[in-house]
Amino acid sequence: MSANGVKYGVGVGGVGSGIPYMSGDDALAADTQVAVEFPRVTKSVTVINKAAADLRVYFADHDAATFGTNVFDNQHYITLDAANDSVTMHIRCRRVYIHNMDAVAAGSYEVFAELSAARDEMDWDTGYLVDGVATAIPGIND
C-alpha cells in the first residue's frame, strides 16, 4: 500500500493471460475452405480435427486471386489427418483458414484462441504493400 492509502496491484489486463475465444463447425462441407475470424489479434490458436476427414490449417486465403494458389502449391499449411489430431500455435494473427480436403465426407473442427488486447492492420491475404504493389509474405502466401 502506498503512503496515500491507494492499494496497487496487478489488474486483469496485466496478468499475461488472454481473452478466450471458441468456435467450430460440425458439418464443414467436402472440399470447402472456411475463414475463422478473430475479433482481436491472437496470442495462441488451437485447431482440433473432430472427424476422419483431413483438414488443412493455414493463414492466407487459398481462393484469393493474389498469391492464393501458392498456399497449397508451396505447402504453407499444416494437415490434421485424423480425428482428435490438433495443433497449437503461439502466434499473432487475426484469422486462420481451415480446408476440408475430403472430396465426399463432411469435416468437423473446433478452434480455441487466446486473444490479446492488440488490434491488427495487416492484411495477410494480400501481403505487404510495397510501392502500392502487393508483395507475398514468405512462408504464408509466397
Protein backbone atom coordinates (compact mmCIF):
# COMPACT_ATOMS: atom_id res chain seq x y z
CA MET A 1 0.00 0.00 0.00
CA SER A 2 1.28 3.47 -0.78
CA ALA A 3 1.51 6.37 1.65
CA ASN A 4 -1.75 7.93 0.36
CA GLY A 5 -3.82 4.81 1.12
CA VAL A 6 -4.12 3.62 -2.50
CA LYS A 7 -3.53 -0.09 -2.96
CA TYR A 8 -1.61 -1.04 -6.11
CA GLY A 9 -1.75 -4.46 -7.74
CA VAL A 10 -1.94 -6.33 -11.00
CA GLY A 11 -5.20 -5.85 -12.90
CA VAL A 12 -6.90 -8.17 -15.36
CA GLY A 13 -5.03 -6.61 -18.29
CA GLY A 14 -1.63 -7.22 -16.71
CA VAL A 15 -1.77 -10.89 -15.75
CA GLY A 16 -0.43 -12.22 -19.04
CA SER A 17 -3.34 -14.44 -20.00
CA GLY A 18 -5.68 -13.55 -22.81
CA ILE A 19 -9.36 -13.31 -23.64
CA PRO A 20 -10.86 -16.72 -24.54
CA TYR A 21 -12.43 -17.33 -27.96
CA MET A 22 -14.07 -20.56 -29.17
CA SER A 23 -15.62 -21.57 -32.48
CA GLY A 24 -16.15 -24.62 -34.63
CA ASP A 25 -18.23 -26.44 -37.20
CA ASP A 26 -19.56 -29.99 -37.12
CA ALA A 27 -20.53 -30.06 -40.81
CA LEU A 28 -17.78 -28.41 -42.91
CA ALA A 29 -18.72 -29.41 -46.45
CA ALA A 30 -16.37 -31.56 -48.52
CA ASP A 31 -13.62 -29.66 -50.37
CA THR A 32 -14.53 -26.38 -48.67
CA GLN A 33 -12.48 -23.58 -47.12
CA VAL A 34 -13.68 -21.55 -44.13
CA ALA A 35 -12.09 -18.47 -42.56
CA VAL A 36 -12.15 -18.25 -38.77
CA GLU A 37 -12.03 -14.52 -37.97
CA PHE A 38 -10.90 -13.40 -34.52
CA PRO A 39 -12.18 -10.13 -33.02
CA ARG A 40 -8.63 -9.26 -31.87
CA VAL A 41 -5.07 -10.40 -32.52
CA THR A 42 -4.42 -13.82 -31.01
CA LYS A 43 -1.74 -14.87 -28.56
CA SER A 44 -2.27 -18.54 -29.41
CA VAL A 45 -4.60 -20.67 -31.55
CA THR A 46 -5.53 -24.34 -31.21
CA VAL A 47 -7.35 -26.18 -34.01
CA ILE A 48 -8.74 -29.67 -33.35
CA ASN A 49 -9.92 -32.04 -36.09
CA LYS A 50 -13.08 -33.75 -34.82
CA ALA A 51 -13.70 -36.07 -37.82
CA ALA A 52 -11.85 -38.50 -40.08
CA ALA A 53 -11.56 -36.03 -42.98
CA ASP A 54 -8.12 -34.40 -43.50
CA LEU A 55 -8.13 -30.70 -42.61
CA ARG A 56 -5.52 -28.16 -43.68
CA VAL A 57 -4.85 -25.10 -41.50
CA TYR A 58 -3.20 -22.00 -43.00
CA PHE A 59 -3.05 -18.19 -42.88
CA ALA A 60 -3.80 -16.85 -46.38
CA ASP A 61 -6.94 -17.31 -48.47
CA HIS A 62 -6.35 -20.27 -50.81
CA ASP A 63 -9.04 -18.87 -53.14
CA ALA A 64 -7.57 -15.35 -53.35
CA ALA A 65 -6.61 -14.10 -56.78
CA THR A 66 -3.32 -12.68 -55.50
CA PHE A 67 -0.94 -15.42 -54.27
CA GLY A 68 -3.84 -17.77 -53.36
CA THR A 69 -2.63 -20.88 -55.19
CA ASN A 70 0.79 -20.54 -53.55
CA VAL A 71 -0.67 -21.67 -50.21
CA PHE A 72 -1.18 -25.26 -51.41
CA ASP A 73 1.43 -25.30 -54.20
CA ASN A 74 4.20 -24.33 -51.75
CA GLN A 75 2.81 -26.32 -48.82
CA HIS A 76 2.15 -23.36 -46.50
CA TYR A 77 -0.26 -25.35 -44.34
CA ILE A 78 -0.45 -27.92 -41.54
CA THR A 79 -2.51 -31.07 -42.11
CA LEU A 80 -4.61 -32.57 -39.33
CA ASP A 81 -5.16 -36.03 -40.75
CA ALA A 82 -7.09 -37.90 -38.06
CA ALA A 83 -9.96 -37.36 -35.65
CA ASN A 84 -8.73 -35.58 -32.49
CA ASP A 85 -5.48 -34.53 -34.21
CA SER A 86 -4.67 -30.96 -33.15
CA VAL A 87 -2.18 -28.14 -33.50
CA THR A 88 -1.47 -25.31 -31.06
CA MET A 89 0.35 -22.29 -32.43
CA HIS A 90 1.65 -19.45 -30.26
CA ILE A 91 1.20 -16.79 -32.92
CA ARG A 92 -0.22 -13.35 -33.55
CA CYS A 93 -2.92 -13.38 -36.25
CA ARG A 94 -6.45 -12.13 -36.98
CA ARG A 95 -7.68 -15.22 -38.87
CA VAL A 96 -6.92 -18.79 -39.81
CA TYR A 97 -8.27 -20.78 -42.72
CA ILE A 98 -9.40 -24.39 -42.48
CA HIS A 99 -9.95 -26.52 -45.59
CA ASN A 100 -11.72 -29.89 -45.64
CA MET A 101 -9.63 -31.90 -48.10
CA ASP A 102 -12.07 -34.83 -48.32
CA ALA A 103 -13.91 -34.99 -51.66
CA VAL A 104 -17.02 -36.59 -50.14
CA ALA A 105 -17.27 -36.54 -46.33
CA ALA A 106 -18.04 -33.52 -44.17
CA GLY A 107 -15.35 -32.34 -41.80
CA SER A 108 -15.62 -31.15 -38.23
CA TYR A 109 -13.33 -28.89 -36.19
CA GLU A 110 -13.05 -26.87 -33.01
CA VAL A 111 -10.97 -23.72 -32.52
CA PHE A 112 -9.78 -22.24 -29.26
CA ALA A 113 -7.85 -18.97 -29.27
CA GLU A 114 -6.31 -16.82 -26.60
CA LEU A 115 -6.87 -13.22 -27.71
CA SER A 116 -4.64 -10.28 -26.86
CA ALA A 117 -5.72 -6.68 -26.39
CA ALA A 118 -3.99 -5.69 -29.66
CA ARG A 119 -5.67 -4.91 -32.95
CA ASP A 120 -4.05 -5.58 -36.33
CA GLU A 121 -3.91 -3.54 -39.52
CA MET A 122 -2.07 -6.17 -41.61
CA ASP A 123 -3.93 -8.00 -44.38
CA TRP A 124 -2.28 -11.43 -44.51
CA ASP A 125 -4.26 -12.46 -47.63
CA THR A 126 -2.87 -9.85 -49.99
CA GLY A 127 0.55 -9.41 -48.42
CA TYR A 128 2.55 -6.29 -47.78
CA LEU A 129 2.10 -3.25 -49.96
CA VAL A 130 5.46 -2.15 -51.35
CA ASP A 131 5.15 0.95 -53.53
CA GLY A 132 1.45 0.15 -53.99
CA VAL A 133 2.13 -3.41 -55.20
CA ALA A 134 1.08 -6.45 -53.19
CA THR A 135 4.14 -8.50 -52.21
CA ALA A 136 3.99 -12.09 -51.00
CA ILE A 137 4.74 -12.88 -47.37
CA PRO A 138 7.39 -15.63 -47.12
CA GLY A 139 6.00 -18.82 -45.64
CA ILE A 140 2.40 -17.64 -45.79
CA ASN A 141 1.47 -16.84 -49.39
CA ASP A 142 4.73 -16.69 -51.37
